[in-house]
Amino acid sequence: MQKLTNKEEEIMHILWKLKKAFVKEVLSEITEEQPHYNTLSTIVRNLEEKGFVSHNAFGNTHQYFPIVSLEDYRKRFMNTAIDNYFNSSYKNMVSHFAKEEKISAAELREILAMIENQKEEI
C-alpha cells in the first residue's frame, strides 16, 4: 500500500464518510481551501491508480468509492508510525503520550482492564 499525501488522505476520509461520491460531492465536503474541480478530479484519479478507490461509470461521469477500508489504512498507518517513531515499541508509544500528558492514569487503567479481559476470553 502506497503512502498518501495529506490532501489524498483528506479526500479518503471524505470517501470513507460518504461511502461513494461523485467529484462534485467530494468537493462540497471540503471546508477549507477548496481545490479547483479539475485538481480534485486528478487527486481522486491518483487515489484510484494507487489502489485506494475504484469507480462506477455513468456516461462521462464517475462515482468513486473506497476499496481500502479506514480500518486497514489505520492499521498500516499506525504500524508504520510505531516502527518509524517508537522503535517498533508500543510501550515507547504509550510512554510518549503519558509524558506529553495526552493520556491519563485512568485511561491507562482502562487499557489494562481491556487487555486483562481479552486474556481471560482466550
PDB file of N, CA and C in Angstrom:
ATOM      1  N   MET A   1       0.854  -1.176   0.000  1.00  0.00           N
ATOM      2  CA  MET A   1       0.000   0.000   0.000  1.00  0.00           C
ATOM      3  C   MET A   1       0.898   1.236   0.000  1.00  0.00           C
ATOM      4  N   GLN A   2       0.675   2.114  -0.949  1.00  0.00           N
ATOM      5  CA  GLN A   2       1.481   3.323  -1.065  1.00  0.00           C
ATOM      6  C   GLN A   2       1.080   4.351  -0.014  1.00  0.00           C
ATOM      7  N   LYS A   3       2.005   5.242   0.279  1.00  0.00           N
ATOM      8  CA  LYS A   3       1.746   6.322   1.221  1.00  0.00           C
ATOM      9  C   LYS A   3       0.896   7.395   0.540  1.00  0.00           C
ATOM     10  N   LEU A   4      -0.005   7.982   1.303  1.00  0.00           N
ATOM     11  CA  LEU A   4      -0.858   9.050   0.783  1.00  0.00           C
ATOM     12  C   LEU A   4      -0.310  10.407   1.181  1.00  0.00           C
ATOM     13  N   THR A   5      -0.535  11.396   0.307  1.00  0.00           N
ATOM     14  CA  THR A   5      -0.233  12.769   0.670  1.00  0.00           C
ATOM     15  C   THR A   5      -1.303  13.244   1.654  1.00  0.00           C
ATOM     16  N   ASN A   6      -1.062  14.367   2.310  1.00  0.00           N
ATOM     17  CA  ASN A   6      -2.061  14.912   3.241  1.00  0.00           C
ATOM     18  C   ASN A   6      -3.384  15.170   2.536  1.00  0.00           C
ATOM     19  N   LYS A   7      -3.343  15.719   1.337  1.00  0.00           N
ATOM     20  CA  LYS A   7      -4.571  16.025   0.589  1.00  0.00           C
ATOM     21  C   LYS A   7      -5.279  14.733   0.181  1.00  0.00           C
ATOM     22  N   GLU A   8      -4.522  13.733  -0.250  1.00  0.00           N
ATOM     23  CA  GLU A   8      -5.137  12.451  -0.608  1.00  0.00           C
ATOM     24  C   GLU A   8      -5.806  11.818   0.604  1.00  0.00           C
ATOM     25  N   GLU A   9      -5.137  11.906   1.744  1.00  0.00           N
ATOM     26  CA  GLU A   9      -5.721  11.343   2.965  1.00  0.00           C
ATOM     27  C   GLU A   9      -7.008  12.090   3.327  1.00  0.00           C
ATOM     28  N   GLU A  10      -7.016  13.401   3.167  1.00  0.00           N
ATOM     29  CA  GLU A  10      -8.229  14.187   3.427  1.00  0.00           C
ATOM     30  C   GLU A  10      -9.373  13.723   2.528  1.00  0.00           C
ATOM     31  N   ILE A  11      -9.072  13.480   1.265  1.00  0.00           N
ATOM     32  CA  ILE A  11     -10.093  13.035   0.313  1.00  0.00           C
ATOM     33  C   ILE A  11     -10.574  11.632   0.686  1.00  0.00           C
ATOM     34  N   MET A  12      -9.661  10.763   1.106  1.00  0.00           N
ATOM     35  CA  MET A  12     -10.061   9.421   1.520  1.00  0.00           C
ATOM     36  C   MET A  12     -11.009   9.481   2.711  1.00  0.00           C
ATOM     37  N   HIS A  13     -10.747  10.363   3.671  1.00  0.00           N
ATOM     38  CA  HIS A  13     -11.644  10.471   4.820  1.00  0.00           C
ATOM     39  C   HIS A  13     -13.046  10.879   4.363  1.00  0.00           C
ATOM     40  N   ILE A  14     -13.122  11.729   3.369  1.00  0.00           N
ATOM     41  CA  ILE A  14     -14.425  12.121   2.829  1.00  0.00           C
ATOM     42  C   ILE A  14     -15.093  10.920   2.158  1.00  0.00           C
ATOM     43  N   LEU A  15     -14.339  10.174   1.367  1.00  0.00           N
ATOM     44  CA  LEU A  15     -14.917   8.999   0.694  1.00  0.00           C
ATOM     45  C   LEU A  15     -15.319   7.922   1.695  1.00  0.00           C
ATOM     46  N   TRP A  16     -14.536   7.730   2.750  1.00  0.00           N
ATOM     47  CA  TRP A  16     -14.930   6.763   3.781  1.00  0.00           C
ATOM     48  C   TRP A  16     -16.230   7.201   4.433  1.00  0.00           C
ATOM     49  N   LYS A  17     -16.373   8.494   4.637  1.00  0.00           N
ATOM     50  CA  LYS A  17     -17.591   9.030   5.261  1.00  0.00           C
ATOM     51  C   LYS A  17     -18.799   8.872   4.329  1.00  0.00           C
ATOM     52  N   LEU A  18     -18.630   9.242   3.065  1.00  0.00           N
ATOM     53  CA  LEU A  18     -19.747   9.230   2.120  1.00  0.00           C
ATOM     54  C   LEU A  18     -20.027   7.843   1.531  1.00  0.00           C
ATOM     55  N   LYS A  19     -19.057   6.938   1.588  1.00  0.00           N
ATOM     56  CA  LYS A  19     -19.148   5.573   1.042  1.00  0.00           C
ATOM     57  C   LYS A  19     -19.003   5.541  -0.483  1.00  0.00           C
ATOM     58  N   LYS A  20     -19.642   6.458  -1.181  1.00  0.00           N
ATOM     59  CA  LYS A  20     -19.490   6.615  -2.631  1.00  0.00           C
ATOM     60  C   LYS A  20     -19.880   8.043  -2.976  1.00  0.00           C
ATOM     61  N   ALA A  21     -19.179   8.612  -3.967  1.00  0.00           N
ATOM     62  CA  ALA A  21     -19.445  10.017  -4.279  1.00  0.00           C
ATOM     63  C   ALA A  21     -18.873  10.403  -5.643  1.00  0.00           C
ATOM     64  N   PHE A  22     -19.525  11.352  -6.246  1.00  0.00           N
ATOM     65  CA  PHE A  22     -19.003  11.994  -7.446  1.00  0.00           C
ATOM     66  C   PHE A  22     -18.031  13.083  -6.984  1.00  0.00           C
ATOM     67  N   VAL A  23     -17.159  13.524  -7.872  1.00  0.00           N
ATOM     68  CA  VAL A  23     -16.157  14.535  -7.512  1.00  0.00           C
ATOM     69  C   VAL A  23     -16.824  15.788  -6.944  1.00  0.00           C
ATOM     70  N   LYS A  24     -17.941  16.205  -7.523  1.00  0.00           N
ATOM     71  CA  LYS A  24     -18.609  17.426  -7.033  1.00  0.00           C
ATOM     72  C   LYS A  24     -19.112  17.244  -5.602  1.00  0.00           C
ATOM     73  N   GLU A  25     -19.501  16.016  -5.234  1.00  0.00           N
ATOM     74  CA  GLU A  25     -19.942  15.752  -3.861  1.00  0.00           C
ATOM     75  C   GLU A  25     -18.762  15.785  -2.890  1.00  0.00           C
ATOM     76  N   VAL A  26     -17.619  15.269  -3.332  1.00  0.00           N
ATOM     77  CA  VAL A  26     -16.411  15.341  -2.511  1.00  0.00           C
ATOM     78  C   VAL A  26     -16.027  16.804  -2.317  1.00  0.00           C
ATOM     79  N   LEU A  27     -16.065  17.565  -3.386  1.00  0.00           N
ATOM     80  CA  LEU A  27     -15.716  18.989  -3.345  1.00  0.00           C
ATOM     81  C   LEU A  27     -16.583  19.741  -2.343  1.00  0.00           C
ATOM     82  N   SER A  28     -17.859  19.426  -2.284  1.00  0.00           N
ATOM     83  CA  SER A  28     -18.766  20.134  -1.369  1.00  0.00           C
ATOM     84  C   SER A  28     -18.480  19.804   0.093  1.00  0.00           C
ATOM     85  N   GLU A  29     -17.771  18.711   0.363  1.00  0.00           N
ATOM     86  CA  GLU A  29     -17.419  18.329   1.737  1.00  0.00           C
ATOM     87  C   GLU A  29     -16.149  19.018   2.237  1.00  0.00           C
ATOM     88  N   ILE A  30     -15.371  19.597   1.329  1.00  0.00           N
ATOM     89  CA  ILE A  30     -14.119  20.249   1.712  1.00  0.00           C
ATOM     90  C   ILE A  30     -14.450  21.644   2.220  1.00  0.00           C
ATOM     91  N   THR A  31     -14.110  21.900   3.484  1.00  0.00           N
ATOM     92  CA  THR A  31     -14.493  23.162   4.111  1.00  0.00           C
ATOM     93  C   THR A  31     -13.439  24.253   3.971  1.00  0.00           C
ATOM     94  N   GLU A  32     -12.171  23.864   3.930  1.00  0.00           N
ATOM     95  CA  GLU A  32     -11.103  24.860   3.833  1.00  0.00           C
ATOM     96  C   GLU A  32     -10.315  24.674   2.551  1.00  0.00           C
ATOM     97  N   GLU A  33      -9.914  25.762   1.954  1.00  0.00           N
ATOM     98  CA  GLU A  33      -9.072  25.745   0.756  1.00  0.00           C
ATOM     99  C   GLU A  33      -9.555  24.741  -0.281  1.00  0.00           C
ATOM    100  N   GLN A  34     -10.740  24.989  -0.787  1.00  0.00           N
ATOM    101  CA  GLN A  34     -11.283  24.083  -1.803  1.00  0.00           C
ATOM    102  C   GLN A  34     -10.415  24.120  -3.054  1.00  0.00           C
ATOM    103  N   PRO A  35      -9.982  22.952  -3.519  1.00  0.00           N
ATOM    104  CA  PRO A  35      -9.211  22.925  -4.761  1.00  0.00           C
ATOM    105  C   PRO A  35     -10.136  23.133  -5.957  1.00  0.00           C
ATOM    106  N   HIS A  36      -9.558  23.437  -7.098  1.00  0.00           N
ATOM    107  CA  HIS A  36     -10.335  23.521  -8.332  1.00  0.00           C
ATOM    108  C   HIS A  36     -10.879  22.125  -8.640  1.00  0.00           C
ATOM    109  N   TYR A  37     -12.031  22.060  -9.254  1.00  0.00           N
ATOM    110  CA  TYR A  37     -12.666  20.783  -9.594  1.00  0.00           C
ATOM    111  C   TYR A  37     -11.693  19.847 -10.312  1.00  0.00           C
ATOM    112  N   ASN A  38     -10.970  20.368 -11.324  1.00  0.00           N
ATOM    113  CA  ASN A  38     -10.044  19.524 -12.092  1.00  0.00           C
ATOM    114  C   ASN A  38      -8.898  19.001 -11.223  1.00  0.00           C
ATOM    115  N   THR A  39      -8.434  19.821 -10.285  1.00  0.00           N
ATOM    116  CA  THR A  39      -7.374  19.391  -9.368  1.00  0.00           C
ATOM    117  C   THR A  39      -7.874  18.250  -8.499  1.00  0.00           C
ATOM    118  N   LEU A  40      -9.080  18.408  -7.959  1.00  0.00           N
ATOM    119  CA  LEU A  40      -9.668  17.365  -7.132  1.00  0.00           C
ATOM    120  C   LEU A  40      -9.878  16.084  -7.938  1.00  0.00           C
ATOM    121  N   SER A  41     -10.335  16.223  -9.160  1.00  0.00           N
ATOM    122  CA  SER A  41     -10.539  15.068 -10.037  1.00  0.00           C
ATOM    123  C   SER A  41      -9.220  14.323 -10.249  1.00  0.00           C
ATOM    124  N   THR A  42      -8.130  15.054 -10.419  1.00  0.00           N
ATOM    125  CA  THR A  42      -6.807  14.446 -10.579  1.00  0.00           C
ATOM    126  C   THR A  42      -6.394  13.714  -9.313  1.00  0.00           C
ATOM    127  N   ILE A  43      -6.644  14.300  -8.148  1.00  0.00           N
ATOM    128  CA  ILE A  43      -6.310  13.657  -6.871  1.00  0.00           C
ATOM    129  C   ILE A  43      -7.070  12.336  -6.737  1.00  0.00           C
ATOM    130  N   VAL A  44      -8.351  12.347  -7.066  1.00  0.00           N
ATOM    131  CA  VAL A  44      -9.165  11.131  -6.957  1.00  0.00           C
ATOM    132  C   VAL A  44      -8.670  10.073  -7.932  1.00  0.00           C
ATOM    133  N   ARG A  45      -8.306  10.474  -9.149  1.00  0.00           N
ATOM    134  CA  ARG A  45      -7.762   9.504 -10.115  1.00  0.00           C
ATOM    135  C   ARG A  45      -6.427   8.946  -9.613  1.00  0.00           C
ATOM    136  N   ASN A  46      -5.610   9.777  -8.953  1.00  0.00           N
ATOM    137  CA  ASN A  46      -4.361   9.285  -8.362  1.00  0.00           C
ATOM    138  C   ASN A  46      -4.644   8.255  -7.275  1.00  0.00           C
ATOM    139  N   LEU A  47      -5.679   8.501  -6.480  1.00  0.00           N
ATOM    140  CA  LEU A  47      -6.075   7.533  -5.447  1.00  0.00           C
ATOM    141  C   LEU A  47      -6.483   6.206  -6.095  1.00  0.00           C
ATOM    142  N   GLU A  48      -7.118   6.309  -7.250  1.00  0.00           N
ATOM    143  CA  GLU A  48      -7.513   5.097  -7.964  1.00  0.00           C
ATOM    144  C   GLU A  48      -6.270   4.359  -8.474  1.00  0.00           C
ATOM    145  N   GLU A  49      -5.311   5.093  -9.017  1.00  0.00           N
ATOM    146  CA  GLU A  49      -4.074   4.476  -9.506  1.00  0.00           C
ATOM    147  C   GLU A  49      -3.297   3.817  -8.368  1.00  0.00           C
ATOM    148  N   LYS A  50      -3.357   4.403  -7.171  1.00  0.00           N
ATOM    149  CA  LYS A  50      -2.669   3.851  -6.006  1.00  0.00           C
ATOM    150  C   LYS A  50      -3.419   2.670  -5.392  1.00  0.00           C
ATOM    151  N   GLY A  51      -4.634   2.396  -5.891  1.00  0.00           N
ATOM    152  CA  GLY A  51      -5.393   1.242  -5.417  1.00  0.00           C
ATOM    153  C   GLY A  51      -6.252   1.503  -4.196  1.00  0.00           C
ATOM    154  N   PHE A  52      -6.555   2.756  -3.913  1.00  0.00           N
ATOM    155  CA  PHE A  52      -7.379   3.094  -2.754  1.00  0.00           C
ATOM    156  C   PHE A  52      -8.856   3.232  -3.092  1.00  0.00           C
ATOM    157  N   VAL A  53      -9.167   3.621  -4.325  1.00  0.00           N
ATOM    158  CA  VAL A  53     -10.560   3.786  -4.741  1.00  0.00           C
ATOM    159  C   VAL A  53     -10.777   3.135  -6.096  1.00  0.00           C
ATOM    160  N   SER A  54     -12.044   2.913  -6.396  1.00  0.00           N
ATOM    161  CA  SER A  54     -12.454   2.457  -7.717  1.00  0.00           C
ATOM    162  C   SER A  54     -13.658   3.305  -8.104  1.00  0.00           C
ATOM    163  N   HIS A  55     -14.237   3.034  -9.244  1.00  0.00           N
ATOM    164  CA  HIS A  55     -15.378   3.856  -9.674  1.00  0.00           C
ATOM    165  C   HIS A  55     -16.390   3.041 -10.463  1.00  0.00           C
ATOM    166  N   ASN A  56     -17.588   3.582 -10.500  1.00  0.00           N
ATOM    167  CA  ASN A  56     -18.640   3.137 -11.406  1.00  0.00           C
ATOM    168  C   ASN A  56     -18.844   4.266 -12.402  1.00  0.00           C
ATOM    169  N   ALA A  57     -18.890   3.940 -13.681  1.00  0.00           N
ATOM    170  CA  ALA A  57     -19.059   4.951 -14.723  1.00  0.00           C
ATOM    171  C   ALA A  57     -20.533   5.150 -15.032  1.00  0.00           C
ATOM    172  N   PHE A  58     -20.912   6.399 -15.121  1.00  0.00           N
ATOM    173  CA  PHE A  58     -22.262   6.791 -15.555  1.00  0.00           C
ATOM    174  C   PHE A  58     -22.066   7.754 -16.711  1.00  0.00           C
ATOM    175  N   GLY A  59     -21.936   7.222 -17.923  1.00  0.00           N
ATOM    176  CA  GLY A  59     -21.595   8.054 -19.069  1.00  0.00           C
ATOM    177  C   GLY A  59     -20.178   8.573 -18.883  1.00  0.00           C
ATOM    178  N   ASN A  60     -20.032   9.895 -18.944  1.00  0.00           N
ATOM    179  CA  ASN A  60     -18.716  10.510 -18.767  1.00  0.00           C
ATOM    180  C   ASN A  60     -18.401  10.802 -17.304  1.00  0.00           C
ATOM    181  N   THR A  61     -19.329  10.535 -16.429  1.00  0.00           N
ATOM    182  CA  THR A  61     -19.159  10.844 -15.011  1.00  0.00           C
ATOM    183  C   THR A  61     -18.826   9.569 -14.242  1.00  0.00           C
ATOM    184  N   HIS A  62     -17.956   9.726 -13.241  1.00  0.00           N
ATOM    185  CA  HIS A  62     -17.568   8.586 -12.416  1.00  0.00           C
ATOM    186  C   HIS A  62     -17.969   8.813 -10.959  1.00  0.00           C
ATOM    187  N   GLN A  63     -18.526   7.767 -10.393  1.00  0.00           N
ATOM    188  CA  GLN A  63     -18.831   7.781  -8.960  1.00  0.00           C
ATOM    189  C   GLN A  63     -17.771   6.907  -8.292  1.00  0.00           C
ATOM    190  N   TYR A  64     -17.030   7.508  -7.368  1.00  0.00           N
ATOM    191  CA  TYR A  64     -15.902   6.828  -6.730  1.00  0.00           C
ATOM    192  C   TYR A  64     -16.296   6.239  -5.387  1.00  0.00           C
ATOM    193  N   PHE A  65     -15.618   5.165  -5.020  1.00  0.00           N
ATOM    194  CA  PHE A  65     -15.851   4.528  -3.725  1.00  0.00           C
ATOM    195  C   PHE A  65     -14.546   3.917  -3.233  1.00  0.00           C
ATOM    196  N   PRO A  66     -14.337   3.901  -1.904  1.00  0.00           N
ATOM    197  CA  PRO A  66     -13.097   3.341  -1.361  1.00  0.00           C
ATOM    198  C   PRO A  66     -13.058   1.826  -1.504  1.00  0.00           C
ATOM    199  N   ILE A  67     -11.875   1.302  -1.823  1.00  0.00           N
ATOM    200  CA  ILE A  67     -11.691  -0.150  -1.830  1.00  0.00           C
ATOM    201  C   ILE A  67     -10.696  -0.569  -0.740  1.00  0.00           C
ATOM    202  N   VAL A  68     -10.104   0.412  -0.070  1.00  0.00           N
ATOM    203  CA  VAL A  68      -9.300   0.173   1.131  1.00  0.00           C
ATOM    204  C   VAL A  68     -10.123   0.734   2.283  1.00  0.00           C
ATOM    205  N   SER A  69     -10.371  -0.084   3.291  1.00  0.00           N
ATOM    206  CA  SER A  69     -11.182   0.380   4.419  1.00  0.00           C
ATOM    207  C   SER A  69     -10.383   1.308   5.315  1.00  0.00           C
ATOM    208  N   LEU A  70     -11.098   2.139   6.049  1.00  0.00           N
ATOM    209  CA  LEU A  70     -10.463   3.023   7.020  1.00  0.00           C
ATOM    210  C   LEU A  70      -9.669   2.202   8.027  1.00  0.00           C
ATOM    211  N   GLU A  71     -10.221   1.072   8.462  1.00  0.00           N
ATOM    212  CA  GLU A  71      -9.550   0.231   9.450  1.00  0.00           C
ATOM    213  C   GLU A  71      -8.231  -0.323   8.903  1.00  0.00           C
ATOM    214  N   ASP A  72      -8.234  -0.792   7.660  1.00  0.00           N
ATOM    215  CA  ASP A  72      -6.995  -1.308   7.056  1.00  0.00           C
ATOM    216  C   ASP A  72      -5.954  -0.200   6.935  1.00  0.00           C
ATOM    217  N   TYR A  73      -6.381   0.983   6.522  1.00  0.00           N
ATOM    218  CA  TYR A  73      -5.450   2.108   6.399  1.00  0.00           C
ATOM    219  C   TYR A  73      -4.921   2.508   7.770  1.00  0.00           C
ATOM    220  N   ARG A  74      -5.792   2.555   8.765  1.00  0.00           N
ATOM    221  CA  ARG A  74      -5.392   2.934  10.125  1.00  0.00           C
ATOM    222  C   ARG A  74      -4.329   1.968  10.660  1.00  0.00           C
ATOM    223  N   LYS A  75      -4.551   0.665  10.452  1.00  0.00           N
ATOM    224  CA  LYS A  75      -3.579  -0.329  10.916  1.00  0.00           C
ATOM    225  C   LYS A  75      -2.218  -0.108  10.274  1.00  0.00           C
ATOM    226  N   ARG A  76      -2.218   0.081   8.963  1.00  0.00           N
ATOM    227  CA  ARG A  76      -0.959   0.291   8.250  1.00  0.00           C
ATOM    228  C   ARG A  76      -0.279   1.566   8.714  1.00  0.00           C
ATOM    229  N   PHE A  77      -1.055   2.637   8.837  1.00  0.00           N
ATOM    230  CA  PHE A  77      -0.516   3.928   9.259  1.00  0.00           C
ATOM    231  C   PHE A  77       0.074   3.829  10.666  1.00  0.00           C
ATOM    232  N   MET A  78      -0.660   3.216  11.584  1.00  0.00           N
ATOM    233  CA  MET A  78      -0.181   3.104  12.966  1.00  0.00           C
ATOM    234  C   MET A  78       1.051   2.218  13.055  1.00  0.00           C
ATOM    235  N   ASN A  79       1.046   1.100  12.339  1.00  0.00           N
ATOM    236  CA  ASN A  79       2.216   0.220  12.361  1.00  0.00           C
ATOM    237  C   ASN A  79       3.456   0.942  11.836  1.00  0.00           C
ATOM    238  N   THR A  80       3.293   1.701  10.764  1.00  0.00           N
ATOM    239  CA  THR A  80       4.410   2.452  10.200  1.00  0.00           C
ATOM    240  C   THR A  80       4.889   3.518  11.181  1.00  0.00           C
ATOM    241  N   ALA A  81       3.960   4.246  11.799  1.00  0.00           N
ATOM    242  CA  ALA A  81       4.336   5.292  12.758  1.00  0.00           C
ATOM    243  C   ALA A  81       5.063   4.690  13.958  1.00  0.00           C
ATOM    244  N   ILE A  82       4.563   3.581  14.467  1.00  0.00           N
ATOM    245  CA  ILE A  82       5.192   2.944  15.630  1.00  0.00           C
ATOM    246  C   ILE A  82       6.583   2.430  15.254  1.00  0.00           C
ATOM    247  N   ASP A  83       6.710   1.855  14.066  1.00  0.00           N
ATOM    248  CA  ASP A  83       8.027   1.387  13.605  1.00  0.00           C
ATOM    249  C   ASP A  83       8.996   2.551  13.446  1.00  0.00           C
ATOM    250  N   ASN A  84       8.545   3.635  12.810  1.00  0.00           N
ATOM    251  CA  ASN A  84       9.430   4.747  12.476  1.00  0.00           C
ATOM    252  C   ASN A  84       9.745   5.679  13.650  1.00  0.00           C
ATOM    253  N   TYR A  85       8.808   5.868  14.576  1.00  0.00           N
ATOM    254  CA  TYR A  85       8.993   6.874  15.617  1.00  0.00           C
ATOM    255  C   TYR A  85       9.173   6.302  17.020  1.00  0.00           C
ATOM    256  N   PHE A  86       8.843   5.032  17.207  1.00  0.00           N
ATOM    257  CA  PHE A  86       8.903   4.454  18.556  1.00  0.00           C
ATOM    258  C   PHE A  86       9.676   3.129  18.589  1.00  0.00           C
ATOM    259  N   ASN A  87      10.588   2.941  17.623  1.00  0.00           N
ATOM    260  CA  ASN A  87      11.415   1.728  17.565  1.00  0.00           C
ATOM    261  C   ASN A  87      10.578   0.450  17.648  1.00  0.00           C
ATOM    262  N   SER A  88       9.457   0.444  16.979  1.00  0.00           N
ATOM    263  CA  SER A  88       8.549  -0.712  16.930  1.00  0.00           C
ATOM    264  C   SER A  88       8.046  -1.129  18.313  1.00  0.00           C
ATOM    265  N   SER A  89       7.992  -0.181  19.248  1.00  0.00           N
ATOM    266  CA  SER A  89       7.600  -0.485  20.623  1.00  0.00           C
ATOM    267  C   SER A  89       6.315   0.260  21.002  1.00  0.00           C
ATOM    268  N   TYR A  90       5.281  -0.517  21.305  1.00  0.00           N
ATOM    269  CA  TYR A  90       4.033   0.089  21.781  1.00  0.00           C
ATOM    270  C   TYR A  90       4.247   0.711  23.153  1.00  0.00           C
ATOM    271  N   LYS A  91       5.116   0.118  23.952  1.00  0.00           N
ATOM    272  CA  LYS A  91       5.446   0.669  25.260  1.00  0.00           C
ATOM    273  C   LYS A  91       6.039   2.067  25.106  1.00  0.00           C
ATOM    274  N   ASN A  92       6.967   2.239  24.158  1.00  0.00           N
ATOM    275  CA  ASN A  92       7.555   3.562  23.912  1.00  0.00           C
ATOM    276  C   ASN A  92       6.487   4.557  23.469  1.00  0.00           C
ATOM    277  N   MET A  93       5.542   4.095  22.651  1.00  0.00           N
ATOM    278  CA  MET A  93       4.484   4.985  22.177  1.00  0.00           C
ATOM    279  C   MET A  93       3.611   5.445  23.340  1.00  0.00           C
ATOM    280  N   VAL A  94       3.173   4.509  24.164  1.00  0.00           N
ATOM    281  CA  VAL A  94       2.314   4.856  25.295  1.00  0.00           C
ATOM    282  C   VAL A  94       3.066   5.758  26.270  1.00  0.00           C
ATOM    283  N   SER A  95       4.350   5.466  26.505  1.00  0.00           N
ATOM    284  CA  SER A  95       5.166   6.303  27.392  1.00  0.00           C
ATOM    285  C   SER A  95       5.250   7.729  26.857  1.00  0.00           C
ATOM    286  N   HIS A  96       5.391   7.848  25.560  1.00  0.00           N
ATOM    287  CA  HIS A  96       5.443   9.177  24.936  1.00  0.00           C
ATOM    288  C   HIS A  96       4.167   9.967  25.234  1.00  0.00           C
ATOM    289  N   PHE A  97       3.021   9.336  25.032  1.00  0.00           N
ATOM    290  CA  PHE A  97       1.757  10.028  25.262  1.00  0.00           C
ATOM    291  C   PHE A  97       1.547  10.330  26.746  1.00  0.00           C
ATOM    292  N   ALA A  98       2.041   9.469  27.604  1.00  0.00           N
ATOM    293  CA  ALA A  98       1.941   9.732  29.047  1.00  0.00           C
ATOM    294  C   ALA A  98       2.796  10.935  29.417  1.00  0.00           C
ATOM    295  N   LYS A  99       4.023  10.993  28.891  1.00  0.00           N
ATOM    296  CA  LYS A  99       4.913  12.129  29.176  1.00  0.00           C
ATOM    297  C   LYS A  99       4.340  13.433  28.645  1.00  0.00           C
ATOM    298  N   GLU A 100       3.702  13.358  27.503  1.00  0.00           N
ATOM    299  CA  GLU A 100       3.103  14.553  26.888  1.00  0.00           C
ATOM    300  C   GLU A 100       1.746  14.894  27.507  1.00  0.00           C
ATOM    301  N   GLU A 101       1.337  14.110  28.489  1.00  0.00           N
ATOM    302  CA  GLU A 101       0.047  14.272  29.167  1.00  0.00           C
ATOM    303  C   GLU A 101      -1.127  14.199  28.200  1.00  0.00           C
ATOM    304  N   LYS A 102      -1.002  13.301  27.222  1.00  0.00           N
ATOM    305  CA  LYS A 102      -2.073  13.076  26.250  1.00  0.00           C
ATOM    306  C   LYS A 102      -2.941  11.892  26.661  1.00  0.00           C
ATOM    307  N   ILE A 103      -2.480  11.159  27.695  1.00  0.00           N
ATOM    308  CA  ILE A 103      -3.240  10.027  28.200  1.00  0.00           C
ATOM    309  C   ILE A 103      -3.143  10.057  29.726  1.00  0.00           C
ATOM    310  N   SER A 104      -4.258   9.819  30.376  1.00  0.00           N
ATOM    311  CA  SER A 104      -4.293   9.903  31.841  1.00  0.00           C
ATOM    312  C   SER A 104      -4.073   8.533  32.467  1.00  0.00           C
ATOM    313  N   ALA A 105      -3.804   8.533  33.763  1.00  0.00           N
ATOM    314  CA  ALA A 105      -3.651   7.286  34.508  1.00  0.00           C
ATOM    315  C   ALA A 105      -4.947   6.480  34.448  1.00  0.00           C
ATOM    316  N   ALA A 106      -6.091   7.171  34.526  1.00  0.00           N
ATOM    317  CA  ALA A 106      -7.384   6.480  34.461  1.00  0.00           C
ATOM    318  C   ALA A 106      -7.549   5.791  33.099  1.00  0.00           C
ATOM    319  N   GLU A 107      -7.145   6.464  32.027  1.00  0.00           N
ATOM    320  CA  GLU A 107      -7.232   5.852  30.698  1.00  0.00           C
ATOM    321  C   GLU A 107      -6.287   4.659  30.592  1.00  0.00           C
ATOM    322  N   LEU A 108      -5.106   4.765  31.187  1.00  0.00           N
ATOM    323  CA  LEU A 108      -4.174   3.637  31.183  1.00  0.00           C
ATOM    324  C   LEU A 108      -4.751   2.448  31.942  1.00  0.00           C
ATOM    325  N   ARG A 109      -5.435   2.723  33.061  1.00  0.00           N
ATOM    326  CA  ARG A 109      -6.080   1.640  33.806  1.00  0.00           C
ATOM    327  C   ARG A 109      -7.170   0.980  32.960  1.00  0.00           C
ATOM    328  N   GLU A 110      -7.927   1.785  32.200  1.00  0.00           N
ATOM    329  CA  GLU A 110      -8.954   1.232  31.309  1.00  0.00           C
ATOM    330  C   GLU A 110      -8.321   0.322  30.255  1.00  0.00           C
ATOM    331  N   ILE A 111      -7.192   0.755  29.703  1.00  0.00           N
ATOM    332  CA  ILE A 111      -6.493  -0.046  28.700  1.00  0.00           C
ATOM    333  C   ILE A 111      -6.026  -1.358  29.315  1.00  0.00           C
ATOM    334  N   LEU A 112      -5.449  -1.287  30.518  1.00  0.00           N
ATOM    335  CA  LEU A 112      -5.013  -2.505  31.209  1.00  0.00           C
ATOM    336  C   LEU A 112      -6.182  -3.459  31.443  1.00  0.00           C
ATOM    337  N   ALA A 113      -7.326  -2.913  31.840  1.00  0.00           N
ATOM    338  CA  ALA A 113      -8.514  -3.744  32.065  1.00  0.00           C
ATOM    339  C   ALA A 113      -8.951  -4.415  30.764  1.00  0.00           C
ATOM    340  N   MET A 114      -8.894  -3.685  29.654  1.00  0.00           N
ATOM    341  CA  MET A 114      -9.256  -4.272  28.355  1.00  0.00           C
ATOM    342  C   MET A 114      -8.305  -5.408  28.004  1.00  0.00           C
ATOM    343  N   ILE A 115      -7.003  -5.204  28.257  1.00  0.00           N
ATOM    344  CA  ILE A 115      -6.017  -6.247  27.965  1.00  0.00           C
ATOM    345  C   ILE A 115      -6.274  -7.472  28.827  1.00  0.00           C
ATOM    346  N   GLU A 116      -6.522  -7.253  30.108  1.00  0.00           N
ATOM    347  CA  GLU A 116      -6.791  -8.374  31.018  1.00  0.00           C
ATOM    348  C   GLU A 116      -8.050  -9.122  30.602  1.00  0.00           C
ATOM    349  N   ASN A 117      -9.087  -8.409  30.223  1.00  0.00           N
ATOM    350  CA  ASN A 117     -10.338  -9.046  29.766  1.00  0.00           C
ATOM    351  C   ASN A 117     -10.109  -9.888  28.516  1.00  0.00           C
ATOM    352  N   GLN A 118      -9.285  -9.400  27.598  1.00  0.00           N
ATOM    353  CA  GLN A 118      -9.001 -10.172  26.399  1.00  0.00           C
ATOM    354  C   GLN A 118      -8.242 -11.440  26.734  1.00  0.00           C
ATOM    355  N   LYS A 119      -7.315 -11.367  27.690  1.00  0.00           N
ATOM    356  CA  LYS A 119      -6.562 -12.561  28.101  1.00  0.00           C
ATOM    357  C   LYS A 119      -7.498 -13.605  28.702  1.00  0.00           C
ATOM    358  N   GLU A 120      -8.487 -13.140  29.473  1.00  0.00           N
ATOM    359  CA  GLU A 120      -9.430 -14.055  30.104  1.00  0.00           C
ATOM    360  C   GLU A 120     -10.329 -14.739  29.069  1.00  0.00           C
ATOM    361  N   GLU A 121     -10.630 -14.032  27.981  1.00  0.00           N
ATOM    362  CA  GLU A 121     -11.503 -14.585  26.937  1.00  0.00           C
ATOM    363  C   GLU A 121     -10.802 -15.649  26.104  1.00  0.00           C
ATOM    364  N   ILE A 122      -9.490 -15.653  26.114  1.00  0.00           N
ATOM    365  CA  ILE A 122      -8.732 -16.599  25.280  1.00  0.00           C
ATOM    366  C   ILE A 122      -8.663 -17.960  25.888  1.00  0.00           C
TER     367      ILE A 122
END
